[in-house]
Amino acid sequence: MKRLKYLLIAGVSLLLASCENFLDRQPESSLSGETFWTSEQDLKTWNAGMYDGLQSTLRTNWFYWGELRSGVYAERGTAYDRNLLYNGLSSQSGSSSWSDLYKTIYRANAAIKHIPNSPIGSSVSAPYLGQAYAMRTLMYFYAIRVWGGVPKITEPMEDVSSQERYYGRTSVEELKAFILGDIEKALEYIGASTDMSSASKYYLNRGAIMALRVDVLMWYKEYDKALIAANDLLTNYKYSLEPASTYSSMFLNPSSSKEMIFNLFWNYEEDSNGFGYAQEIASGSNTIRYHPTKAYYKELVSRKREDTRVTMIMDTFAISYFITPDEMIDESYEKAMNGDYGNAANFQIKCPKFTEYGATANSGRPGYSYVANGSCSTHMPIYRIADILLLKAEALVLGTNKDYQGAIDIVNQIRKRASWATSATLADYPTEKDLIKLIIDERTIELWAEGKHWFDLVRNDMVKEYLDPYLQNEDLGDQRIPEGFVIGAEKGANQIGGYGRILWPLNQDVFRKNPSMSGQQNKPYEE
């Protein structure tokens, strides 16, 4: 963490001057080896720029792309986005823009193009080149999951404002070989390693790239290959689950955790504006925008004295100041929301997962020290071992050589670590669909607020399964409720939660800037 902190302080100021010049104003030829790429400090500076791009891309999008639409959140406060929450997306939605994502790709492309021709020895430059291939992979992997087919661009852009001009869409299937090929190149350049448990959590090292490979293979339903990759990562890199006694600490200090693989580092003093975590679900300055639905509140309350993860999802300290522990039952949710306990606005189910605990945090009382929206520093996990274990469980269910009991054992391993004594038994999950739902539900609790749940539903073709009941149960007032959440159908496209809205729309700016994209909007959206 300190290495990255000092790198960003030393490098980002130069990066912002040089990257803005190189990418936004000067012609691409300004990136020649004669003017840059001549020292390791140049590589460090450019590398910092790629991670700066990752920060900008995921600052709030980790939540909007991967979590918010997945049926586990309800509106809270006054600043929520009902259209976003209930899947009423449009081409004007802010997070429909891929601008920051492509800026990061352009920076990776520049490194991939120029590092091999630099005078720096390969023993020094290879790890930077490996990270560039991995970053490009990670960005394209987000892109295909959010928008489907996207322009495949492998060159630095002369002018970022032109973005993907003159490039049409490449299909998700066509991008498969490209993405997997970049992963192999990243692994080749990054070099071999046998112990990644103590390596930096803030760089795309070999462990992070292996985790990315597992995730990509699962997305493309290459279950047998994903299982091989997962077993390699779990067996040969010396990662391990964090013990229950220190479970909460790994989210605040991932560098000391053998479970954490790759984290996005955000320090508000250096990166400004705060990470989106606070304003969405853990604000210390305003009413949060979203909190768990009544159904999930009920589920969490039922586990509150058994499952150590509950207090990482739902701040029972704060709620117990408003509702006594004996009253903390599912009925209390509705009473609180109706104002039966006084001011309903006081009832906020904040998520303290990335928040420091303090003995006098709340007017002298013990609890979590929530910070203002603009002061939020977060070490957001992108990959950790619990994630990979549960992906392995999916592969054991869906792959060629079925091992249903092995999948159950993984779920119970995750539960046991959380001190939750309720074990899953194979007899209770007689079909593959039942088993996959079990794994998804376990991932929902284990990976809450880590930007995974929506992708879990889409990957397993269970959006309709989970979202139909959610949209029917939520009170949307005079906004129409869809009859069903059907992939690909256009009927009812203008409703909240309309049919076919699995992918995000392409932002309207794409069509203004890129004539090659005309007529290529995702259905059922309008350009």
Protein backbone atom coordinates (compact mmCIF):
# COMPACT_ATOMS: atom_id res chain seq x y z
CA MET A 1 0.00 0.00 0.00
CA LYS A 2 2.75 2.46 0.89
CA ARG A 3 4.56 1.66 -2.32
CA LEU A 4 1.49 2.52 -4.36
CA LYS A 5 0.79 5.59 -2.25
CA TYR A 6 4.24 7.02 -2.83
CA LEU A 7 4.16 5.96 -6.47
CA LEU A 8 0.92 7.83 -7.00
CA ILE A 9 2.18 10.93 -5.19
CA ALA A 10 5.38 10.96 -7.21
CA GLY A 11 3.97 9.70 -10.45
CA VAL A 12 0.41 10.78 -10.94
CA SER A 13 1.21 14.48 -11.11
CA LEU A 14 3.68 13.73 -13.88
CA LEU A 15 1.27 11.23 -15.37
CA LEU A 16 -1.57 13.71 -15.50
CA ALA A 17 0.66 16.20 -17.23
CA SER A 18 2.20 13.63 -19.53
CA CYS A 19 -0.89 11.45 -20.09
CA GLU A 20 -3.10 14.42 -20.81
CA ASN A 21 -0.52 15.71 -23.24
CA PHE A 22 0.23 12.35 -24.80
CA LEU A 23 -3.33 11.06 -25.01
CA ASP A 24 -5.54 14.10 -25.16
CA ARG A 25 -3.67 16.73 -27.12
CA GLN A 26 -0.45 15.57 -28.71
CA PRO A 27 -0.29 13.15 -31.63
CA GLU A 28 0.30 9.52 -30.78
CA SER A 29 3.83 9.68 -32.18
CA SER A 30 4.78 11.75 -29.12
CA LEU A 31 4.87 8.43 -27.27
CA SER A 32 7.96 7.33 -29.14
CA GLY A 33 10.91 5.83 -27.29
CA GLU A 34 12.84 9.02 -27.86
CA THR A 35 10.53 11.10 -25.66
CA PHE A 36 9.30 8.55 -23.13
CA TRP A 37 9.68 4.89 -22.15
CA THR A 38 13.42 5.30 -21.62
CA SER A 39 13.71 4.58 -17.88
CA GLU A 40 12.04 2.48 -15.23
CA GLN A 41 10.68 5.67 -13.72
CA ASP A 42 8.83 6.28 -17.00
CA LEU A 43 7.31 2.81 -16.71
CA LYS A 44 6.32 3.42 -13.10
CA THR A 45 4.70 6.70 -14.05
CA TRP A 46 2.72 5.15 -16.89
CA ASN A 47 1.81 2.17 -14.71
CA ALA A 48 0.40 4.58 -12.10
CA GLY A 49 -1.67 6.10 -14.88
CA MET A 50 -3.26 2.75 -15.70
CA TYR A 51 -4.26 2.20 -12.09
CA ASP A 52 -5.52 5.77 -11.92
CA GLY A 53 -7.71 4.86 -14.89
CA LEU A 54 -8.95 1.76 -13.05
CA GLN A 55 -9.88 3.94 -10.07
CA SER A 56 -11.84 6.35 -12.26
CA THR A 57 -13.59 3.52 -14.07
CA LEU A 58 -14.74 1.72 -10.92
CA ARG A 59 -15.19 4.61 -8.47
CA THR A 60 -18.98 4.16 -8.40
CA ASN A 61 -19.39 1.65 -11.20
CA TRP A 62 -18.28 -1.27 -9.03
CA PHE A 63 -21.68 -0.73 -7.38
CA TYR A 64 -23.82 0.38 -10.33
CA TRP A 65 -22.57 -2.27 -12.75
CA GLY A 66 -22.11 -5.19 -10.39
CA GLU A 67 -24.45 -4.80 -7.46
CA LEU A 68 -27.29 -2.29 -7.41
CA ARG A 69 -29.66 -3.84 -9.98
CA SER A 70 -29.42 -7.33 -8.49
CA GLY A 71 -32.46 -7.28 -6.22
CA VAL A 72 -30.84 -6.96 -2.80
CA TYR A 73 -31.20 -3.20 -2.25
CA ALA A 74 -34.11 -0.87 -1.53
CA GLU A 75 -34.20 2.91 -1.80
CA ARG A 76 -33.25 4.99 1.23
CA GLY A 77 -32.96 8.71 1.78
CA THR A 78 -33.71 11.17 -0.99
CA ALA A 79 -30.88 10.99 -3.53
CA TYR A 80 -31.40 7.43 -4.80
CA ASP A 81 -31.79 6.69 -8.50
CA ARG A 82 -35.02 4.73 -8.83
CA ASN A 83 -34.49 4.10 -12.54
CA LEU A 84 -31.11 2.57 -11.86
CA LEU A 85 -32.26 0.58 -8.85
CA TYR A 86 -35.24 -0.92 -10.65
CA ASN A 87 -33.55 -1.46 -14.00
CA GLY A 88 -35.05 1.48 -15.84
CA LEU A 89 -31.82 2.28 -17.69
CA SER A 90 -31.44 4.70 -20.58
CA SER A 91 -28.66 5.88 -22.86
CA GLN A 92 -28.46 9.04 -20.74
CA SER A 93 -27.63 7.13 -17.53
CA GLY A 94 -24.23 8.32 -16.30
CA SER A 95 -22.80 4.85 -15.76
CA SER A 96 -23.71 3.87 -19.31
CA SER A 97 -20.59 5.76 -20.43
CA TRP A 98 -17.48 3.73 -21.19
CA SER A 99 -15.27 6.81 -21.48
CA ASP A 100 -13.06 6.13 -18.43
CA LEU A 101 -12.87 2.44 -19.28
CA TYR A 102 -11.52 3.16 -22.77
CA LYS A 103 -9.10 5.76 -21.46
CA THR A 104 -7.65 3.00 -19.30
CA ILE A 105 -7.50 0.67 -22.30
CA TYR A 106 -5.67 3.35 -24.30
CA ARG A 107 -3.08 3.68 -21.56
CA ALA A 108 -2.61 -0.10 -21.48
CA ASN A 109 -2.33 -0.12 -25.28
CA ALA A 110 0.39 2.53 -25.16
CA ALA A 111 2.42 0.44 -22.73
CA ILE A 112 1.93 -2.72 -24.79
CA LYS A 113 3.09 -0.89 -27.92
CA HIS A 114 6.10 0.97 -26.56
CA ILE A 115 7.61 -1.09 -23.74
CA PRO A 116 8.96 -3.83 -26.06
CA ASN A 117 10.80 -1.18 -28.09
CA SER A 118 12.23 0.69 -25.11
CA PRO A 119 15.96 0.50 -24.22
CA ILE A 120 15.06 -0.88 -20.78
CA GLY A 121 16.10 -4.49 -20.23
CA SER A 122 13.34 -7.08 -20.34
CA SER A 123 14.08 -8.24 -16.79
CA VAL A 124 12.98 -4.79 -15.62
CA SER A 125 10.26 -4.02 -18.17
CA ALA A 126 8.50 -7.40 -18.39
CA PRO A 127 6.42 -7.03 -15.18
CA TYR A 128 5.12 -3.66 -16.39
CA LEU A 129 4.22 -5.16 -19.75
CA GLY A 130 2.46 -8.04 -18.00
CA GLN A 131 0.39 -5.60 -15.95
CA ALA A 132 -0.59 -3.70 -19.09
CA TYR A 133 -1.92 -6.87 -20.75
CA ALA A 134 -3.76 -7.76 -17.54
CA MET A 135 -5.28 -4.29 -17.19
CA ARG A 136 -6.51 -4.37 -20.76
CA THR A 137 -8.05 -7.77 -20.08
CA LEU A 138 -9.77 -6.56 -16.92
CA MET A 139 -11.23 -3.54 -18.72
CA TYR A 140 -12.53 -5.59 -21.64
CA PHE A 141 -13.93 -8.14 -19.23
CA TYR A 142 -15.97 -5.44 -17.52
CA ALA A 143 -16.99 -4.10 -20.94
CA ILE A 144 -18.42 -7.36 -22.28
CA ARG A 145 -20.32 -8.00 -19.05
CA VAL A 146 -21.82 -4.51 -19.03
CA TRP A 147 -22.48 -3.82 -22.74
CA GLY A 148 -21.88 -7.09 -24.57
CA GLY A 149 -19.98 -6.58 -27.81
CA VAL A 150 -17.73 -3.50 -27.74
CA PRO A 151 -15.11 -2.00 -30.07
CA LYS A 152 -11.84 -3.92 -29.91
CA ILE A 153 -9.06 -1.34 -29.95
CA THR A 154 -5.42 -2.33 -29.58
CA GLU A 155 -3.74 0.97 -30.44
CA PRO A 156 -3.24 4.13 -28.37
CA MET A 157 -5.60 6.88 -29.52
CA GLU A 158 -4.26 10.12 -30.90
CA ASP A 159 -7.10 12.01 -29.27
CA VAL A 160 -9.12 10.59 -26.37
CA SER A 161 -12.01 12.87 -27.27
CA SER A 162 -12.40 10.86 -30.47
CA GLN A 163 -12.76 7.72 -28.33
CA GLU A 164 -13.69 4.68 -30.39
CA ARG A 165 -14.48 6.63 -33.56
CA TYR A 166 -14.43 4.51 -36.71
CA TYR A 167 -14.56 1.28 -34.71
CA GLY A 168 -17.69 -0.84 -34.77
CA ARG A 169 -18.66 -3.48 -32.21
CA THR A 170 -16.83 -6.78 -31.87
CA SER A 171 -19.00 -9.62 -30.57
CA VAL A 172 -18.54 -11.10 -27.13
CA GLU A 173 -17.62 -14.43 -28.68
CA GLU A 174 -15.03 -12.85 -30.97
CA LEU A 175 -13.52 -11.03 -28.00
CA LYS A 176 -13.10 -14.33 -26.15
CA ALA A 177 -9.87 -15.36 -27.91
CA PHE A 178 -8.52 -11.82 -27.61
CA ILE A 179 -9.17 -11.61 -23.86
CA LEU A 180 -7.84 -15.08 -23.09
CA GLY A 181 -4.81 -14.41 -25.28
CA ASP A 182 -4.04 -11.26 -23.30
CA ILE A 183 -4.24 -13.27 -20.08
CA GLU A 184 -1.66 -15.74 -21.38
CA LYS A 185 0.65 -12.90 -22.42
CA ALA A 186 0.20 -11.26 -19.04
CA LEU A 187 1.18 -14.47 -17.26
CA GLU A 188 4.18 -14.93 -19.55
CA TYR A 189 5.54 -11.44 -18.89
CA ILE A 190 4.65 -11.25 -15.21
CA GLY A 191 6.77 -14.32 -14.46
CA ALA A 192 6.38 -17.39 -12.29
CA SER A 193 5.74 -17.27 -8.59
CA THR A 194 4.86 -19.83 -5.95
CA ASP A 195 3.90 -17.62 -2.99
CA MET A 196 1.58 -14.71 -3.72
CA SER A 197 -0.06 -14.54 -0.29
CA SER A 198 2.24 -11.75 0.89
CA ALA A 199 2.56 -9.97 -2.47
CA SER A 200 1.10 -6.50 -3.02
CA LYS A 201 -2.69 -6.52 -3.16
CA TYR A 202 -2.83 -3.38 -5.29
CA TYR A 203 -1.12 -4.55 -8.47
CA LEU A 204 -2.12 -7.06 -11.11
CA ASN A 205 0.41 -9.68 -10.12
CA ARG A 206 0.35 -13.36 -11.06
CA GLY A 207 -2.23 -14.27 -8.42
CA ALA A 208 -4.59 -11.52 -9.60
CA ILE A 209 -4.18 -12.57 -13.23
CA MET A 210 -4.92 -16.20 -12.34
CA ALA A 211 -8.09 -15.10 -10.52
CA LEU A 212 -9.08 -13.05 -13.56
CA ARG A 213 -8.55 -16.12 -15.75
CA VAL A 214 -10.90 -18.17 -13.56
CA ASP A 215 -13.55 -15.45 -13.72
CA VAL A 216 -13.31 -15.06 -17.50
CA LEU A 217 -13.49 -18.81 -18.12
CA MET A 218 -16.56 -19.08 -15.89
CA TRP A 219 -18.22 -16.21 -17.78
CA TYR A 220 -17.66 -18.04 -21.06
CA LYS A 221 -18.94 -21.27 -19.44
CA GLU A 222 -15.60 -23.04 -19.91
CA TYR A 223 -16.16 -24.86 -16.64
CA ASP A 224 -13.54 -27.59 -16.99
CA LYS A 225 -10.80 -25.10 -17.83
CA ALA A 226 -11.98 -22.78 -15.04
CA LEU A 227 -11.76 -25.65 -12.57
CA ILE A 228 -8.16 -26.37 -13.59
CA ALA A 229 -7.25 -22.70 -13.22
CA ALA A 230 -9.02 -22.42 -9.86
CA ASN A 231 -7.27 -25.51 -8.50
CA ASP A 232 -3.92 -24.12 -9.65
CA LEU A 233 -4.57 -20.82 -7.89
CA LEU A 234 -5.90 -22.44 -4.73
CA THR A 235 -3.13 -25.05 -4.52
CA ASN A 236 0.08 -23.40 -5.67
CA TYR A 237 -0.01 -19.75 -4.57
CA LYS A 238 -0.35 -20.13 -0.78
CA TYR A 239 -3.47 -18.05 -0.39
CA SER A 240 -5.87 -19.10 2.38
CA LEU A 241 -9.17 -18.04 3.92
CA GLU A 242 -8.91 -15.40 6.62
CA PRO A 243 -9.70 -16.91 10.04
CA ALA A 244 -13.05 -15.96 11.57
CA SER A 245 -11.26 -14.08 14.35
CA THR A 246 -9.76 -11.58 11.89
CA TYR A 247 -12.43 -11.71 9.18
CA SER A 248 -13.42 -8.06 9.41
CA SER A 249 -9.83 -6.79 9.49
CA MET A 250 -8.99 -7.95 5.97
CA PHE A 251 -11.35 -5.36 4.49
CA LEU A 252 -9.51 -2.56 6.27
CA ASN A 253 -5.98 -3.96 5.97
CA PRO A 254 -5.91 -6.24 2.93
CA SER A 255 -2.11 -6.11 2.74
CA SER A 256 -1.85 -8.34 5.79
CA SER A 257 -4.45 -10.85 4.61
CA LYS A 258 -3.61 -14.12 2.87
CA GLU A 259 -7.14 -14.21 1.50
CA MET A 260 -7.01 -10.98 -0.47
CA ILE A 261 -5.72 -11.30 -4.04
CA PHE A 262 -6.33 -7.94 -5.72
CA ASN A 263 -7.82 -4.72 -4.32
CA LEU A 264 -8.59 -1.33 -5.76
CA PHE A 265 -6.84 1.26 -3.61
CA TRP A 266 -8.62 4.59 -3.07
CA ASN A 267 -7.31 7.27 -0.75
CA TYR A 268 -9.49 10.38 -0.76
CA GLU A 269 -6.58 12.65 0.20
CA GLU A 270 -4.77 11.65 -2.97
CA ASP A 271 -7.66 10.72 -5.27
CA SER A 272 -10.21 13.32 -4.05
CA ASN A 273 -14.01 13.16 -4.05
CA GLY A 274 -14.17 9.95 -2.06
CA PHE A 275 -14.93 6.44 -3.19
CA GLY A 276 -18.57 5.70 -3.97
CA TYR A 277 -18.97 3.26 -1.08
CA ALA A 278 -19.79 5.98 1.47
CA GLN A 279 -22.39 7.91 -0.47
CA GLU A 280 -24.22 4.78 -1.57
CA ILE A 281 -24.38 2.58 1.54
CA ALA A 282 -22.20 3.95 4.39
CA SER A 283 -22.35 7.74 4.53
CA GLY A 284 -21.36 9.68 7.61
CA SER A 285 -22.58 13.00 6.19
CA ASN A 286 -25.90 12.25 4.48
CA THR A 287 -28.67 9.72 4.44
CA ILE A 288 -27.41 6.73 2.47
CA ARG A 289 -29.01 6.09 -0.91
CA TYR A 290 -29.64 2.36 -0.59
CA HIS A 291 -29.90 -0.34 2.05
CA PRO A 292 -30.97 -4.00 2.13
CA THR A 293 -34.50 -4.98 1.19
CA LYS A 294 -36.89 -6.21 3.85
CA ALA A 295 -36.32 -9.79 2.65
CA TYR A 296 -32.56 -9.53 3.19
CA TYR A 297 -33.02 -7.66 6.47
CA LYS A 298 -35.14 -10.59 7.64
CA GLU A 299 -32.49 -13.08 6.51
CA LEU A 300 -29.69 -11.17 8.21
CA VAL A 301 -31.63 -10.73 11.44
CA SER A 302 -32.23 -14.47 11.55
CA ARG A 303 -28.45 -15.00 11.58
CA LYS A 304 -27.33 -12.00 13.61
CA ARG A 305 -26.00 -13.97 16.60
CA GLU A 306 -24.44 -16.76 14.52
CA ASP A 307 -22.99 -15.50 11.25
CA THR A 308 -20.05 -13.11 11.66
CA ARG A 309 -20.72 -11.65 8.22
CA VAL A 310 -24.00 -10.06 9.32
CA THR A 311 -22.31 -7.18 11.12
CA MET A 312 -20.25 -6.50 8.00
CA ILE A 313 -23.44 -6.06 5.96
CA MET A 314 -25.79 -4.52 8.49
CA ASP A 315 -24.66 -2.20 11.29
CA THR A 316 -26.45 -3.82 14.22
CA PHE A 317 -24.82 -1.32 16.61
CA ALA A 318 -26.52 1.62 14.94
CA ILE A 319 -29.83 -0.17 14.49
CA SER A 320 -29.92 -1.27 18.12
CA TYR A 321 -29.75 2.39 19.18
CA PHE A 322 -32.96 2.87 17.22
CA ILE A 323 -34.58 -0.55 17.72
CA THR A 324 -33.69 -2.65 20.75
CA PRO A 325 -31.96 -5.97 20.03
CA ASP A 326 -35.07 -7.91 21.08
CA GLU A 327 -37.15 -5.94 18.59
CA MET A 328 -34.68 -6.45 15.75
CA ILE A 329 -37.03 -8.77 13.91
CA ASP A 330 -38.21 -8.59 10.34
CA GLU A 331 -41.42 -6.77 11.37
CA SER A 332 -39.31 -3.95 12.79
CA TYR A 333 -38.16 -3.07 9.28
CA GLU A 334 -41.63 -2.24 8.10
CA LYS A 335 -42.53 -0.43 11.33
CA ALA A 336 -39.40 1.68 11.10
CA MET A 337 -39.97 2.51 7.46
CA ASN A 338 -43.55 3.53 8.29
CA GLY A 339 -42.31 5.82 11.06
CA ASP A 340 -43.79 3.79 13.92
CA TYR A 341 -40.60 4.35 15.92
CA GLY A 342 -40.46 8.05 15.22
CA ASN A 343 -38.66 9.57 12.26
CA ALA A 344 -38.35 6.92 9.55
CA ALA A 345 -35.39 8.80 8.04
CA ASN A 346 -33.32 7.78 11.08
CA PHE A 347 -33.64 4.13 10.19
CA GLN A 348 -30.64 3.48 7.97
CA ILE A 349 -29.13 0.05 7.55
CA LYS A 350 -25.57 1.08 6.82
CA CYS A 351 -22.95 -1.37 5.55
CA PRO A 352 -19.81 -1.05 7.71
CA LYS A 353 -17.70 -3.50 5.72
CA PHE A 354 -14.97 -0.98 4.86
CA THR A 355 -15.41 1.27 7.90
CA GLU A 356 -13.27 1.58 11.03
CA TYR A 357 -14.78 0.59 14.37
CA GLY A 358 -14.37 3.03 17.24
CA ALA A 359 -15.07 2.80 20.97
CA THR A 360 -16.59 6.31 20.95
CA ALA A 361 -17.62 6.57 17.31
CA ASN A 362 -21.27 7.58 17.81
CA SER A 363 -21.57 10.50 20.22
CA GLY A 364 -19.39 8.68 22.71
CA ARG A 365 -20.92 5.28 22.09
CA PRO A 366 -19.11 2.36 20.46
CA GLY A 367 -19.75 1.73 16.79
CA TYR A 368 -18.46 2.47 13.31
CA SER A 369 -16.80 5.75 12.37
CA TYR A 370 -18.61 6.57 9.13
CA VAL A 371 -16.96 9.31 7.12
CA ALA A 372 -18.36 12.02 4.88
CA ASN A 373 -19.03 11.10 1.26
CA GLY A 374 -16.08 13.12 0.02
CA SER A 375 -13.70 11.66 2.61
CA CYS A 376 -14.13 7.98 1.86
CA SER A 377 -11.01 5.83 1.52
CA THR A 378 -11.65 2.22 0.53
CA HIS A 379 -9.67 -0.91 -0.29
CA MET A 380 -12.30 -2.51 -2.50
CA PRO A 381 -11.70 -6.22 -3.16
CA ILE A 382 -11.78 -7.18 -6.81
CA TYR A 383 -10.67 -10.77 -6.12
CA ARG A 384 -10.23 -12.77 -2.93
CA ILE A 385 -10.00 -16.48 -2.21
CA ALA A 386 -13.60 -16.90 -0.98
CA ASP A 387 -14.72 -15.62 -4.39
CA ILE A 388 -12.53 -18.15 -6.22
CA LEU A 389 -13.63 -21.02 -3.97
CA LEU A 390 -17.28 -20.35 -4.72
CA LEU A 391 -16.56 -20.05 -8.44
CA LYS A 392 -14.90 -23.44 -8.14
CA ALA A 393 -18.08 -24.76 -6.53
CA GLU A 394 -20.04 -23.58 -9.59
CA ALA A 395 -17.58 -25.32 -11.88
CA LEU A 396 -17.95 -28.56 -9.89
CA VAL A 397 -21.69 -28.43 -10.48
CA LEU A 398 -21.68 -27.36 -14.13
CA GLY A 399 -18.51 -28.97 -15.50
CA THR A 400 -18.08 -32.32 -17.25
CA ASN A 401 -17.01 -34.27 -14.16
CA LYS A 402 -19.76 -33.46 -11.69
CA ASP A 403 -18.92 -33.27 -8.00
CA TYR A 404 -22.04 -32.04 -6.26
CA GLN A 405 -20.80 -33.02 -2.81
CA GLY A 406 -17.56 -31.13 -3.48
CA ALA A 407 -19.60 -28.00 -4.22
CA ILE A 408 -21.60 -28.46 -1.01
CA ASP A 409 -18.35 -28.90 0.93
CA ILE A 410 -17.06 -25.56 -0.35
CA VAL A 411 -20.25 -23.78 0.68
CA ASN A 412 -19.94 -25.31 4.14
CA GLN A 413 -16.28 -24.34 4.31
CA ILE A 414 -17.26 -20.70 3.69
CA ARG A 415 -20.06 -20.94 6.26
CA LYS A 416 -17.83 -22.55 8.87
CA ARG A 417 -15.29 -19.76 8.51
CA ALA A 418 -18.15 -17.33 9.22
CA SER A 419 -19.12 -19.37 12.31
CA TRP A 420 -22.53 -20.10 10.81
CA ALA A 421 -23.42 -23.57 12.05
CA THR A 422 -26.20 -24.18 9.51
CA SER A 423 -24.65 -26.68 7.08
CA ALA A 424 -25.95 -27.41 3.61
CA THR A 425 -26.66 -31.06 2.79
CA LEU A 426 -26.83 -32.52 -0.68
CA ALA A 427 -30.23 -34.09 -0.06
CA ASP A 428 -31.75 -30.61 0.26
CA TYR A 429 -30.53 -29.57 -3.21
CA PRO A 430 -31.68 -32.31 -5.60
CA THR A 431 -31.09 -30.50 -8.92
CA GLU A 432 -28.21 -28.57 -10.46
CA LYS A 433 -30.35 -25.46 -10.48
CA ASP A 434 -30.93 -25.85 -6.75
CA LEU A 435 -27.19 -26.17 -6.18
CA ILE A 436 -26.39 -23.09 -8.28
CA LYS A 437 -28.98 -21.08 -6.35
CA LEU A 438 -27.35 -22.25 -3.12
CA ILE A 439 -23.96 -21.03 -4.35
CA ILE A 440 -25.36 -17.71 -5.59
CA ASP A 441 -27.10 -17.15 -2.27
CA GLU A 442 -23.88 -17.89 -0.40
CA ARG A 443 -21.98 -15.48 -2.65
CA THR A 444 -24.64 -12.84 -2.01
CA ILE A 445 -23.88 -12.79 1.72
CA GLU A 446 -20.15 -13.49 1.52
CA LEU A 447 -19.43 -10.93 -1.22
CA TRP A 448 -21.98 -8.27 -0.25
CA ALA A 449 -20.98 -4.79 -1.44
CA GLU A 450 -18.09 -6.14 -3.54
CA GLY A 451 -19.72 -5.67 -6.94
CA LYS A 452 -20.36 -9.34 -7.74
CA HIS A 453 -24.05 -10.22 -7.37
CA TRP A 454 -25.44 -8.91 -10.67
CA PHE A 455 -22.71 -10.67 -12.63
CA ASP A 456 -23.44 -13.87 -10.70
CA LEU A 457 -27.07 -13.74 -11.84
CA VAL A 458 -26.22 -13.02 -15.46
CA ARG A 459 -23.44 -15.62 -15.63
CA ASN A 460 -25.85 -18.30 -14.44
CA ASP A 461 -28.83 -17.12 -16.54
CA MET A 462 -30.84 -16.42 -13.39
CA VAL A 463 -31.71 -12.75 -13.76
CA LYS A 464 -35.39 -13.53 -14.32
CA GLU A 465 -35.35 -16.06 -11.48
CA TYR A 466 -34.22 -13.48 -8.94
CA LEU A 467 -35.45 -10.19 -10.36
CA ASP A 468 -39.09 -11.02 -11.14
CA PRO A 469 -40.00 -11.61 -7.48
CA TYR A 470 -37.98 -8.58 -6.41
CA LEU A 471 -39.64 -6.21 -8.87
CA GLN A 472 -43.06 -7.56 -8.04
CA ASN A 473 -42.50 -7.16 -4.30
CA GLU A 474 -41.06 -3.65 -4.36
CA ASP A 475 -43.53 -0.78 -4.14
CA LEU A 476 -43.02 1.20 -7.33
CA GLY A 477 -46.09 3.39 -6.90
CA ASP A 478 -47.62 4.35 -10.22
CA GLN A 479 -44.71 2.96 -12.22
CA ARG A 480 -45.71 -0.20 -14.02
CA ILE A 481 -44.51 -3.60 -12.87
CA PRO A 482 -43.27 -5.92 -15.61
CA GLU A 483 -44.96 -9.22 -16.24
CA GLY A 484 -41.57 -10.86 -16.54
CA PHE A 485 -37.88 -10.19 -16.90
CA VAL A 486 -37.08 -11.82 -20.23
CA ILE A 487 -33.71 -11.66 -21.94
CA GLY A 488 -33.91 -10.38 -25.50
CA ALA A 489 -37.63 -9.58 -25.68
CA GLU A 490 -38.71 -6.04 -26.54
CA LYS A 491 -42.27 -5.97 -25.20
CA GLY A 492 -42.61 -3.62 -22.28
CA ALA A 493 -39.22 -2.02 -22.96
CA ASN A 494 -40.26 1.36 -21.61
CA GLN A 495 -41.33 0.09 -18.20
CA ILE A 496 -39.27 0.23 -15.06
CA GLY A 497 -37.64 -3.18 -14.99
CA GLY A 498 -38.53 -3.60 -18.65
CA TYR A 499 -37.95 -6.72 -20.64
CA GLY A 500 -34.53 -7.47 -22.01
CA ARG A 501 -32.58 -5.00 -19.90
CA ILE A 502 -29.74 -7.32 -19.01
CA LEU A 503 -27.05 -5.29 -20.76
CA TRP A 504 -26.57 -1.60 -20.21
CA PRO A 505 -27.40 0.76 -23.07
CA LEU A 506 -24.56 2.38 -24.95
CA ASN A 507 -24.30 5.99 -23.87
CA GLN A 508 -25.77 8.53 -26.27
CA ASP A 509 -22.34 10.17 -26.66
CA VAL A 510 -21.13 7.06 -28.50
CA PHE A 511 -23.53 7.71 -31.35
CA ARG A 512 -22.71 11.40 -31.52
CA LYS A 513 -18.98 10.73 -31.76
CA ASN A 514 -18.83 7.49 -33.69
CA PRO A 515 -20.69 7.16 -37.01
CA SER A 516 -19.68 3.50 -37.18
CA MET A 517 -21.93 2.74 -34.18
CA SER A 518 -25.15 3.98 -35.75
CA GLY A 519 -27.90 1.39 -35.41
CA GLN A 520 -25.89 -0.74 -32.97
CA GLN A 521 -27.61 0.20 -29.72
CA ASN A 522 -28.46 -2.66 -27.38
CA LYS A 523 -32.11 -3.62 -27.46
CA PRO A 524 -34.54 -2.46 -26.18
CA TYR A 525 -32.94 0.94 -25.69
CA GLU A 526 -33.15 3.96 -27.98
CA GLU A 527 -30.06 5.71 -29.36
